[in-house]
PDB file of N, CA and C in Angstrom:
ATOM      1  N   UNK A   1      78.217 -32.957  76.163  1.00  0.00           N
ATOM      2  CA  UNK A   1      78.235 -32.396  77.500  1.00  0.00           C
ATOM      3  C   UNK A   1      77.459 -33.288  78.473  1.00  0.00           C
ATOM      4  N   UNK A   2      76.360 -33.861  77.983  1.00  0.00           N
ATOM      5  CA  UNK A   2      75.567 -34.748  78.829  1.00  0.00           C
ATOM      6  C   UNK A   2      76.380 -35.975  79.220  1.00  0.00           C
ATOM      7  N   UNK A   3      77.159 -36.490  78.265  1.00  0.00           N
ATOM      8  CA  UNK A   3      77.982 -37.670  78.540  1.00  0.00           C
ATOM      9  C   UNK A   3      78.986 -37.367  79.650  1.00  0.00           C
ATOM     10  N   UNK A   4      79.651 -36.221  79.564  1.00  0.00           N
ATOM     11  CA  UNK A   4      80.623 -35.836  80.582  1.00  0.00           C
ATOM     12  C   UNK A   4      79.953 -35.701  81.946  1.00  0.00           C
ATOM     13  N   UNK A   5      78.797 -35.080  81.974  1.00  0.00           N
ATOM     14  CA  UNK A   5      78.068 -34.896  83.234  1.00  0.00           C
ATOM     15  C   UNK A   5      77.681 -36.244  83.841  1.00  0.00           C
ATOM     16  N   UNK A   6      77.201 -37.158  83.003  1.00  0.00           N
ATOM     17  CA  UNK A   6      76.820 -38.472  83.512  1.00  0.00           C
ATOM     18  C   UNK A   6      78.034 -39.255  84.007  1.00  0.00           C
ATOM     19  N   UNK A   7      79.152 -39.098  83.330  1.00  0.00           N
ATOM     20  CA  UNK A   7      80.376 -39.776  83.777  1.00  0.00           C
ATOM     21  C   UNK A   7      80.837 -39.221  85.125  1.00  0.00           C
ATOM     22  N   UNK A   8      80.739 -37.907  85.291  1.00  0.00           N
ATOM     23  CA  UNK A   8      81.108 -37.304  86.586  1.00  0.00           C
ATOM     24  C   UNK A   8      80.175 -37.775  87.687  1.00  0.00           C
ATOM     25  N   UNK A   9      78.899 -37.841  87.365  1.00  0.00           N
ATOM     26  CA  UNK A   9      77.921 -38.323  88.341  1.00  0.00           C
ATOM     27  C   UNK A   9      78.213 -39.771  88.718  1.00  0.00           C
ATOM     28  N   UNK A  10      78.598 -40.585  87.741  1.00  0.00           N
ATOM     29  CA  UNK A  10      78.946 -41.978  88.020  1.00  0.00           C
ATOM     30  C   UNK A  10      80.140 -42.096  88.950  1.00  0.00           C
ATOM     31  N   UNK A  11      81.147 -41.276  88.714  1.00  0.00           N
ATOM     32  CA  UNK A  11      82.320 -41.286  89.589  1.00  0.00           C
ATOM     33  C   UNK A  11      81.932 -40.859  91.000  1.00  0.00           C
ATOM     34  N   UNK A  12      81.076 -39.835  91.103  1.00  0.00           N
ATOM     35  CA  UNK A  12      80.634 -39.393  92.422  1.00  0.00           C
ATOM     36  C   UNK A  12      79.870 -40.496  93.145  1.00  0.00           C
ATOM     37  N   UNK A  13      78.956 -41.158  92.434  1.00  0.00           N
ATOM     38  CA  UNK A  13      78.168 -42.229  93.068  1.00  0.00           C
ATOM     39  C   UNK A  13      79.089 -43.365  93.504  1.00  0.00           C
ATOM     40  N   UNK A  14      80.076 -43.703  92.673  1.00  0.00           N
ATOM     41  CA  UNK A  14      81.038 -44.731  93.068  1.00  0.00           C
ATOM     42  C   UNK A  14      81.795 -44.347  94.333  1.00  0.00           C
ATOM     43  N   UNK A  15      82.237 -43.096  94.394  1.00  0.00           N
ATOM     44  CA  UNK A  15      82.929 -42.614  95.598  1.00  0.00           C
ATOM     45  C   UNK A  15      82.001 -42.607  96.805  1.00  0.00           C
ATOM     46  N   UNK A  16      80.752 -42.257  96.572  1.00  0.00           N
ATOM     47  CA  UNK A  16      79.769 -42.237  97.659  1.00  0.00           C
ATOM     48  C   UNK A  16      79.595 -43.634  98.250  1.00  0.00           C
ATOM     49  N   UNK A  17      79.499 -44.631  97.391  1.00  0.00           N
ATOM     50  CA  UNK A  17      79.349 -46.012  97.866  1.00  0.00           C
ATOM     51  C   UNK A  17      80.595 -46.458  98.626  1.00  0.00           C
ATOM     52  N   UNK A  18      81.766 -46.138  98.101  1.00  0.00           N
ATOM     53  CA  UNK A  18      83.015 -46.526  98.774  1.00  0.00           C
ATOM     54  C   UNK A  18      83.130 -45.840 100.127  1.00  0.00           C
ATOM     55  N   UNK A  19      82.858 -44.533 100.171  1.00  0.00           N
ATOM     56  CA  UNK A  19      82.955 -43.795 101.442  1.00  0.00           C
ATOM     57  C   UNK A  19      81.931 -44.323 102.441  1.00  0.00           C
ATOM     58  N   UNK A  20      80.721 -44.590 101.974  1.00  0.00           N
ATOM     59  CA  UNK A  20      79.701 -45.133 102.882  1.00  0.00           C
ATOM     60  C   UNK A  20      80.175 -46.465 103.466  1.00  0.00           C
ATOM     61  N   UNK A  21      80.762 -47.308 102.614  1.00  0.00           N
ATOM     62  CA  UNK A  21      81.270 -48.591 103.097  1.00  0.00           C
ATOM     63  C   UNK A  21      82.378 -48.417 104.112  1.00  0.00           C
ATOM     64  N   UNK A  22      83.284 -47.477 103.857  1.00  0.00           N
ATOM     65  CA  UNK A  22      84.383 -47.234 104.797  1.00  0.00           C
ATOM     66  C   UNK A  22      83.879 -46.696 106.134  1.00  0.00           C
ATOM     67  N   UNK A  23      82.917 -45.774 106.079  1.00  0.00           N
ATOM     68  CA  UNK A  23      82.375 -45.207 107.327  1.00  0.00           C
ATOM     69  C   UNK A  23      81.570 -46.266 108.071  1.00  0.00           C
ATOM     70  N   UNK A  24      80.802 -47.036 107.335  1.00  0.00           N
ATOM     71  CA  UNK A  24      79.964 -48.062 107.966  1.00  0.00           C
ATOM     72  C   UNK A  24      80.811 -49.155 108.624  1.00  0.00           C
ATOM     73  N   UNK A  25      81.935 -49.487 107.992  1.00  0.00           N
ATOM     74  CA  UNK A  25      82.801 -50.526 108.561  1.00  0.00           C
ATOM     75  C   UNK A  25      83.724 -49.982 109.663  1.00  0.00           C
ATOM     76  N   UNK A  26      83.786 -48.666 109.810  1.00  0.00           N
ATOM     77  CA  UNK A  26      84.604 -48.067 110.862  1.00  0.00           C
ATOM     78  C   UNK A  26      86.014 -47.720 110.416  1.00  0.00           C
ATOM     79  N   UNK A  27      86.337 -47.909 109.147  1.00  0.00           N
ATOM     80  CA  UNK A  27      87.672 -47.574 108.651  1.00  0.00           C
ATOM     81  C   UNK A  27      87.841 -46.075 108.435  1.00  0.00           C
ATOM     82  N   UNK A  28      86.747 -45.363 108.227  1.00  0.00           N
ATOM     83  CA  UNK A  28      86.782 -43.903 108.099  1.00  0.00           C
ATOM     84  C   UNK A  28      85.970 -43.328 109.255  1.00  0.00           C
ATOM     85  N   UNK A  29      86.342 -42.143 109.737  1.00  0.00           N
ATOM     86  CA  UNK A  29      85.628 -41.574 110.893  1.00  0.00           C
ATOM     87  C   UNK A  29      84.183 -41.211 110.559  1.00  0.00           C
ATOM     88  N   UNK A  30      83.335 -41.345 111.547  1.00  0.00           N
ATOM     89  CA  UNK A  30      81.931 -40.940 111.406  1.00  0.00           C
ATOM     90  C   UNK A  30      81.829 -39.435 111.642  1.00  0.00           C
ATOM     91  N   UNK A  31      80.756 -38.839 111.151  1.00  0.00           N
ATOM     92  CA  UNK A  31      80.539 -37.417 111.387  1.00  0.00           C
ATOM     93  C   UNK A  31      80.160 -37.162 112.838  1.00  0.00           C
ATOM     94  N   UNK A  32      80.053 -35.896 113.193  1.00  0.00           N
ATOM     95  CA  UNK A  32      79.683 -35.534 114.559  1.00  0.00           C
ATOM     96  C   UNK A  32      78.174 -35.598 114.719  1.00  0.00           C
ATOM     97  N   UNK A  33      77.710 -36.274 115.732  1.00  0.00           N
ATOM     98  CA  UNK A  33      76.281 -36.327 116.033  1.00  0.00           C
ATOM     99  C   UNK A  33      75.481 -36.917 114.879  1.00  0.00           C
ATOM    100  N   UNK A  34      74.496 -36.129 114.414  1.00  0.00           N
ATOM    101  CA  UNK A  34      73.610 -36.588 113.342  1.00  0.00           C
ATOM    102  C   UNK A  34      74.116 -36.200 111.954  1.00  0.00           C
ATOM    103  N   UNK A  35      75.334 -35.747 111.830  1.00  0.00           N
ATOM    104  CA  UNK A  35      75.839 -35.267 110.550  1.00  0.00           C
ATOM    105  C   UNK A  35      76.493 -36.367 109.716  1.00  0.00           C
ATOM    106  N   UNK A  36      76.272 -37.616 110.046  1.00  0.00           N
ATOM    107  CA  UNK A  36      76.933 -38.714 109.359  1.00  0.00           C
ATOM    108  C   UNK A  36      76.636 -38.704 107.857  1.00  0.00           C
ATOM    109  N   UNK A  37      75.388 -38.501 107.461  1.00  0.00           N
ATOM    110  CA  UNK A  37      75.031 -38.478 106.039  1.00  0.00           C
ATOM    111  C   UNK A  37      75.711 -37.346 105.294  1.00  0.00           C
ATOM    112  N   UNK A  38      75.713 -36.180 105.895  1.00  0.00           N
ATOM    113  CA  UNK A  38      76.363 -35.021 105.283  1.00  0.00           C
ATOM    114  C   UNK A  38      77.875 -35.252 105.181  1.00  0.00           C
ATOM    115  N   UNK A  39      78.456 -35.856 106.195  1.00  0.00           N
ATOM    116  CA  UNK A  39      79.878 -36.153 106.191  1.00  0.00           C
ATOM    117  C   UNK A  39      80.231 -37.088 105.032  1.00  0.00           C
ATOM    118  N   UNK A  40      79.420 -38.105 104.835  1.00  0.00           N
ATOM    119  CA  UNK A  40      79.668 -39.068 103.758  1.00  0.00           C
ATOM    120  C   UNK A  40      79.586 -38.379 102.395  1.00  0.00           C
ATOM    121  N   UNK A  41      78.585 -37.531 102.190  1.00  0.00           N
ATOM    122  CA  UNK A  41      78.432 -36.825 100.910  1.00  0.00           C
ATOM    123  C   UNK A  41      79.602 -35.871 100.676  1.00  0.00           C
ATOM    124  N   UNK A  42      79.974 -35.108 101.679  1.00  0.00           N
ATOM    125  CA  UNK A  42      81.087 -34.174 101.521  1.00  0.00           C
ATOM    126  C   UNK A  42      82.405 -34.895 101.250  1.00  0.00           C
ATOM    127  N   UNK A  43      82.642 -35.979 101.945  1.00  0.00           N
ATOM    128  CA  UNK A  43      83.869 -36.739 101.717  1.00  0.00           C
ATOM    129  C   UNK A  43      83.874 -37.341 100.313  1.00  0.00           C
ATOM    130  N   UNK A  44      82.731 -37.816  99.850  1.00  0.00           N
ATOM    131  CA  UNK A  44      82.636 -38.355  98.490  1.00  0.00           C
ATOM    132  C   UNK A  44      82.885 -37.259  97.457  1.00  0.00           C
ATOM    133  N   UNK A  45      82.378 -36.050  97.697  1.00  0.00           N
ATOM    134  CA  UNK A  45      82.631 -34.933  96.780  1.00  0.00           C
ATOM    135  C   UNK A  45      84.121 -34.589  96.717  1.00  0.00           C
ATOM    136  N   UNK A  46      84.755 -34.559  97.882  1.00  0.00           N
ATOM    137  CA  UNK A  46      86.173 -34.225  97.935  1.00  0.00           C
ATOM    138  C   UNK A  46      87.010 -35.281  97.211  1.00  0.00           C
ATOM    139  N   UNK A  47      86.626 -36.526  97.311  1.00  0.00           N
ATOM    140  CA  UNK A  47      87.374 -37.589  96.639  1.00  0.00           C
ATOM    141  C   UNK A  47      87.077 -37.651  95.138  1.00  0.00           C
ATOM    142  N   UNK A  48      85.838 -37.415  94.755  1.00  0.00           N
ATOM    143  CA  UNK A  48      85.461 -37.571  93.342  1.00  0.00           C
ATOM    144  C   UNK A  48      85.975 -36.430  92.465  1.00  0.00           C
ATOM    145  N   UNK A  49      86.170 -35.249  93.018  1.00  0.00           N
ATOM    146  CA  UNK A  49      86.620 -34.106  92.207  1.00  0.00           C
ATOM    147  C   UNK A  49      87.986 -34.342  91.560  1.00  0.00           C
ATOM    148  N   UNK A  50      89.031 -34.699  92.316  1.00  0.00           N
ATOM    149  CA  UNK A  50      90.320 -34.931  91.648  1.00  0.00           C
ATOM    150  C   UNK A  50      90.317 -36.169  90.752  1.00  0.00           C
ATOM    151  N   UNK A  51      89.551 -37.185  91.129  1.00  0.00           N
ATOM    152  CA  UNK A  51      89.462 -38.374  90.284  1.00  0.00           C
ATOM    153  C   UNK A  51      88.836 -38.004  88.937  1.00  0.00           C
ATOM    154  N   UNK A  52      87.749 -37.232  88.969  1.00  0.00           N
ATOM    155  CA  UNK A  52      87.102 -36.785  87.731  1.00  0.00           C
ATOM    156  C   UNK A  52      88.041 -35.922  86.906  1.00  0.00           C
ATOM    157  N   UNK A  53      88.781 -35.075  87.567  1.00  0.00           N
ATOM    158  CA  UNK A  53      89.696 -34.177  86.856  1.00  0.00           C
ATOM    159  C   UNK A  53      90.731 -34.966  86.065  1.00  0.00           C
ATOM    160  N   UNK A  54      91.257 -36.035  86.641  1.00  0.00           N
ATOM    161  CA  UNK A  54      92.290 -36.827  85.980  1.00  0.00           C
ATOM    162  C   UNK A  54      91.685 -37.808  84.976  1.00  0.00           C
ATOM    163  N   UNK A  55      90.664 -38.545  85.399  1.00  0.00           N
ATOM    164  CA  UNK A  55      90.119 -39.621  84.578  1.00  0.00           C
ATOM    165  C   UNK A  55      89.344 -39.086  83.375  1.00  0.00           C
ATOM    166  N   UNK A  56      88.645 -37.987  83.531  1.00  0.00           N
ATOM    167  CA  UNK A  56      87.776 -37.483  82.461  1.00  0.00           C
ATOM    168  C   UNK A  56      88.417 -36.376  81.634  1.00  0.00           C
ATOM    169  N   UNK A  57      89.731 -36.277  81.643  1.00  0.00           N
ATOM    170  CA  UNK A  57      90.418 -35.203  80.925  1.00  0.00           C
ATOM    171  C   UNK A  57      90.070 -35.203  79.436  1.00  0.00           C
ATOM    172  N   UNK A  58      90.138 -36.345  78.780  1.00  0.00           N
ATOM    173  CA  UNK A  58      89.853 -36.412  77.337  1.00  0.00           C
ATOM    174  C   UNK A  58      88.399 -36.058  77.040  1.00  0.00           C
ATOM    175  N   UNK A  59      87.492 -36.561  77.857  1.00  0.00           N
ATOM    176  CA  UNK A  59      86.071 -36.260  77.638  1.00  0.00           C
ATOM    177  C   UNK A  59      85.795 -34.777  77.870  1.00  0.00           C
ATOM    178  N   UNK A  60      86.456 -34.193  78.853  1.00  0.00           N
ATOM    179  CA  UNK A  60      86.288 -32.761  79.122  1.00  0.00           C
ATOM    180  C   UNK A  60      86.813 -31.941  77.949  1.00  0.00           C
ATOM    181  N   UNK A  61      87.934 -32.351  77.373  1.00  0.00           N
ATOM    182  CA  UNK A  61      88.483 -31.650  76.206  1.00  0.00           C
ATOM    183  C   UNK A  61      87.539 -31.749  75.016  1.00  0.00           C
ATOM    184  N   UNK A  62      86.955 -32.939  74.797  1.00  0.00           N
ATOM    185  CA  UNK A  62      85.989 -33.093  73.698  1.00  0.00           C
ATOM    186  C   UNK A  62      84.767 -32.209  73.907  1.00  0.00           C
ATOM    187  N   UNK A  63      84.267 -32.163  75.130  1.00  0.00           N
ATOM    188  CA  UNK A  63      83.103 -31.336  75.425  1.00  0.00           C
ATOM    189  C   UNK A  63      83.419 -29.859  75.211  1.00  0.00           C
ATOM    190  N   UNK A  64      84.608 -29.433  75.625  1.00  0.00           N
ATOM    191  CA  UNK A  64      84.964 -28.020  75.450  1.00  0.00           C
ATOM    192  C   UNK A  64      85.144 -27.681  73.977  1.00  0.00           C
ATOM    193  N   UNK A  65      85.655 -28.619  73.177  1.00  0.00           N
ATOM    194  CA  UNK A  65      85.774 -28.369  71.736  1.00  0.00           C
ATOM    195  C   UNK A  65      84.401 -28.189  71.097  1.00  0.00           C
ATOM    196  N   UNK A  66      83.432 -29.012  71.528  1.00  0.00           N
ATOM    197  CA  UNK A  66      82.066 -28.865  70.995  1.00  0.00           C
ATOM    198  C   UNK A  66      81.485 -27.511  71.377  1.00  0.00           C
ATOM    199  N   UNK A  67      81.731 -27.077  72.591  1.00  0.00           N
ATOM    200  CA  UNK A  67      81.215 -25.784  73.032  1.00  0.00           C
ATOM    201  C   UNK A  67      81.859 -24.662  72.234  1.00  0.00           C
ATOM    202  N   UNK A  68      83.172 -24.747  71.993  1.00  0.00           N
ATOM    203  CA  UNK A  68      83.868 -23.722  71.214  1.00  0.00           C
ATOM    204  C   UNK A  68      83.308 -23.658  69.799  1.00  0.00           C
ATOM    205  N   UNK A  69      83.050 -24.828  69.205  1.00  0.00           N
ATOM    206  CA  UNK A  69      82.475 -24.841  67.850  1.00  0.00           C
ATOM    207  C   UNK A  69      81.107 -24.175  67.828  1.00  0.00           C
ATOM    208  N   UNK A  70      80.273 -24.456  68.838  1.00  0.00           N
ATOM    209  CA  UNK A  70      78.945 -23.825  68.903  1.00  0.00           C
ATOM    210  C   UNK A  70      79.061 -22.311  69.034  1.00  0.00           C
ATOM    211  N   UNK A  71      79.955 -21.868  69.911  1.00  0.00           N
ATOM    212  CA  UNK A  71      80.135 -20.425  70.115  1.00  0.00           C
ATOM    213  C   UNK A  71      80.629 -19.772  68.834  1.00  0.00           C
ATOM    214  N   UNK A  72      81.576 -20.412  68.147  1.00  0.00           N
ATOM    215  CA  UNK A  72      82.081 -19.861  66.886  1.00  0.00           C
ATOM    216  C   UNK A  72      80.979 -19.789  65.834  1.00  0.00           C
ATOM    217  N   UNK A  73      80.125 -20.822  65.787  1.00  0.00           N
ATOM    218  CA  UNK A  73      79.011 -20.824  64.830  1.00  0.00           C
ATOM    219  C   UNK A  73      78.028 -19.687  65.134  1.00  0.00           C
ATOM    220  N   UNK A  74      77.733 -19.477  66.408  1.00  0.00           N
ATOM    221  CA  UNK A  74      76.824 -18.393  66.787  1.00  0.00           C
ATOM    222  C   UNK A  74      77.439 -17.040  66.444  1.00  0.00           C
ATOM    223  N   UNK A  75      78.735 -16.876  66.712  1.00  0.00           N
ATOM    224  CA  UNK A  75      79.410 -15.618  66.368  1.00  0.00           C
ATOM    225  C   UNK A  75      79.378 -15.376  64.870  1.00  0.00           C
ATOM    226  N   UNK A  76      79.604 -16.426  64.078  1.00  0.00           N
ATOM    227  CA  UNK A  76      79.566 -16.283  62.620  1.00  0.00           C
ATOM    228  C   UNK A  76      78.172 -15.897  62.148  1.00  0.00           C
ATOM    229  N   UNK A  77      77.145 -16.494  62.740  1.00  0.00           N
ATOM    230  CA  UNK A  77      75.767 -16.145  62.375  1.00  0.00           C
ATOM    231  C   UNK A  77      75.447 -14.696  62.739  1.00  0.00           C
ATOM    232  N   UNK A  78      75.900 -14.266  63.910  1.00  0.00           N
ATOM    233  CA  UNK A  78      75.671 -12.874  64.313  1.00  0.00           C
ATOM    234  C   UNK A  78      76.394 -11.910  63.379  1.00  0.00           C
ATOM    235  N   UNK A  79      77.616 -12.252  62.999  1.00  0.00           N
ATOM    236  CA  UNK A  79      78.375 -11.405  62.086  1.00  0.00           C
ATOM    237  C   UNK A  79      77.708 -11.358  60.718  1.00  0.00           C
ATOM    238  N   UNK A  80      77.202 -12.495  60.259  1.00  0.00           N
ATOM    239  CA  UNK A  80      76.503 -12.530  58.964  1.00  0.00           C
ATOM    240  C   UNK A  80      75.241 -11.672  59.017  1.00  0.00           C
ATOM    241  N   UNK A  81      74.518 -11.732  60.113  1.00  0.00           N
ATOM    242  CA  UNK A  81      73.314 -10.906  60.260  1.00  0.00           C
ATOM    243  C   UNK A  81      73.667  -9.420  60.287  1.00  0.00           C
ATOM    244  N   UNK A  82      74.745  -9.092  61.005  1.00  0.00           N
ATOM    245  CA  UNK A  82      75.158  -7.690  61.083  1.00  0.00           C
ATOM    246  C   UNK A  82      75.594  -7.185  59.699  1.00  0.00           C
ATOM    247  N   UNK A  83      76.331  -8.006  58.981  1.00  0.00           N
ATOM    248  CA  UNK A  83      76.770  -7.632  57.639  1.00  0.00           C
ATOM    249  C   UNK A  83      75.574  -7.445  56.717  1.00  0.00           C
ATOM    250  N   UNK A  84      74.583  -8.329  56.852  1.00  0.00           N
ATOM    251  CA  UNK A  84      73.392  -8.232  56.023  1.00  0.00           C
ATOM    252  C   UNK A  84      72.638  -6.934  56.331  1.00  0.00           C
ATOM    253  N   UNK A  85      72.542  -6.586  57.610  1.00  0.00           N
ATOM    254  CA  UNK A  85      71.868  -5.338  57.991  1.00  0.00           C
ATOM    255  C   UNK A  85      72.633  -4.132  57.462  1.00  0.00           C
ATOM    256  N   UNK A  86      73.965  -4.155  57.580  1.00  0.00           N
ATOM    257  CA  UNK A  86      74.777  -3.043  57.083  1.00  0.00           C
ATOM    258  C   UNK A  86      74.616  -2.879  55.577  1.00  0.00           C
ATOM    259  N   UNK A  87      74.604  -3.991  54.866  1.00  0.00           N
ATOM    260  CA  UNK A  87      74.423  -3.938  53.410  1.00  0.00           C
ATOM    261  C   UNK A  87      73.046  -3.378  53.066  1.00  0.00           C
ATOM    262  N   UNK A  88      72.041  -3.798  53.808  1.00  0.00           N
ATOM    263  CA  UNK A  88      70.688  -3.281  53.576  1.00  0.00           C
ATOM    264  C   UNK A  88      70.603  -1.791  53.850  1.00  0.00           C
ATOM    265  N   UNK A  89      71.241  -1.339  54.917  1.00  0.00           N
ATOM    266  CA  UNK A  89      71.249   0.096  55.226  1.00  0.00           C
ATOM    267  C   UNK A  89      71.967   0.887  54.142  1.00  0.00           C
ATOM    268  N   UNK A  90      73.116   0.382  53.693  1.00  0.00           N
ATOM    269  CA  UNK A  90      73.869   1.075  52.644  1.00  0.00           C
ATOM    270  C   UNK A  90      73.070   1.147  51.349  1.00  0.00           C
ATOM    271  N   UNK A  91      72.383   0.060  51.012  1.00  0.00           N
ATOM    272  CA  UNK A  91      71.569   0.036  49.798  1.00  0.00           C
ATOM    273  C   UNK A  91      70.428   1.039  49.901  1.00  0.00           C
ATOM    274  N   UNK A  92      69.775   1.067  51.054  1.00  0.00           N
ATOM    275  CA  UNK A  92      68.659   1.999  51.238  1.00  0.00           C
ATOM    276  C   UNK A  92      69.144   3.445  51.168  1.00  0.00           C
ATOM    277  N   UNK A  93      70.298   3.725  51.762  1.00  0.00           N
ATOM    278  CA  UNK A  93      70.828   5.093  51.711  1.00  0.00           C
ATOM    279  C   UNK A  93      71.186   5.494  50.286  1.00  0.00           C
ATOM    280  N   UNK A  94      71.824   4.586  49.564  1.00  0.00           N
ATOM    281  CA  UNK A  94      72.218   4.934  48.191  1.00  0.00           C
ATOM    282  C   UNK A  94      70.993   5.105  47.299  1.00  0.00           C
ATOM    283  N   UNK A  95      69.944   4.335  47.532  1.00  0.00           N
ATOM    284  CA  UNK A  95      68.713   4.502  46.745  1.00  0.00           C
ATOM    285  C   UNK A  95      68.027   5.813  47.110  1.00  0.00           C
ATOM    286  N   UNK A  96      68.057   6.138  48.399  1.00  0.00           N
ATOM    287  CA  UNK A  96      67.455   7.416  48.838  1.00  0.00           C
ATOM    288  C   UNK A  96      68.187   8.600  48.266  1.00  0.00           C
ATOM    289  N   UNK A  97      69.507   8.535  48.208  1.00  0.00           N
ATOM    290  CA  UNK A  97      70.305   9.619  47.626  1.00  0.00           C
ATOM    291  C   UNK A  97      70.071   9.702  46.123  1.00  0.00           C
ATOM    292  N   UNK A  98      69.953   8.560  45.462  1.00  0.00           N
ATOM    293  CA  UNK A  98      69.717   8.555  44.014  1.00  0.00           C
ATOM    294  C   UNK A  98      68.344   9.149  43.712  1.00  0.00           C
ATOM    295  N   UNK A  99      67.356   8.853  44.519  1.00  0.00           N
ATOM    296  CA  UNK A  99      66.019   9.419  44.288  1.00  0.00           C
ATOM    297  C   UNK A  99      66.009  10.915  44.581  1.00  0.00           C
ATOM    298  N   UNK A 100      66.797  11.333  45.567  1.00  0.00           N
ATOM    299  CA  UNK A 100      66.870  12.763  45.893  1.00  0.00           C
ATOM    300  C   UNK A 100      67.542  13.544  44.791  1.00  0.00           C
ATOM    301  N   UNK A 101      68.468  12.974  44.074  1.00  0.00           N
ATOM    302  CA  UNK A 101      69.161  13.649  42.980  1.00  0.00           C
ATOM    303  C   UNK A 101      68.300  13.721  41.720  1.00  0.00           C
ATOM    304  N   UNK A 102      67.438  12.723  41.528  1.00  0.00           N
ATOM    305  CA  UNK A 102      66.605  12.708  40.318  1.00  0.00           C
ATOM    306  C   UNK A 102      65.350  13.542  40.504  1.00  0.00           C
ATOM    307  N   UNK A 103      64.983  13.895  41.700  1.00  0.00           N
ATOM    308  CA  UNK A 103      63.743  14.645  41.914  1.00  0.00           C
ATOM    309  C   UNK A 103      63.863  16.088  41.586  1.00  0.00           C
TER     310      UNK A 103
END
């Protein structure tokens, strides 16, 4: 997951540099008044999102598979704990009933 995040950040920074260059050279419009910095960041975000979606598809799939495996492992552990508790309760009840019959 960290790898995917760093790759997305890299794409964003690359877009930020390109957009800054375009705005600085006058090929892209400047923001209104003092909003030039915010304009550059927003434009870089808008450009980097679809690029990340297409370019990082395989990495995103790998990250999601790892997350699914972790969730499945946690669910299996919870189920094992619940089964262990149920078995312990059943054993305690059967021992309590056996002691009640022998008394």
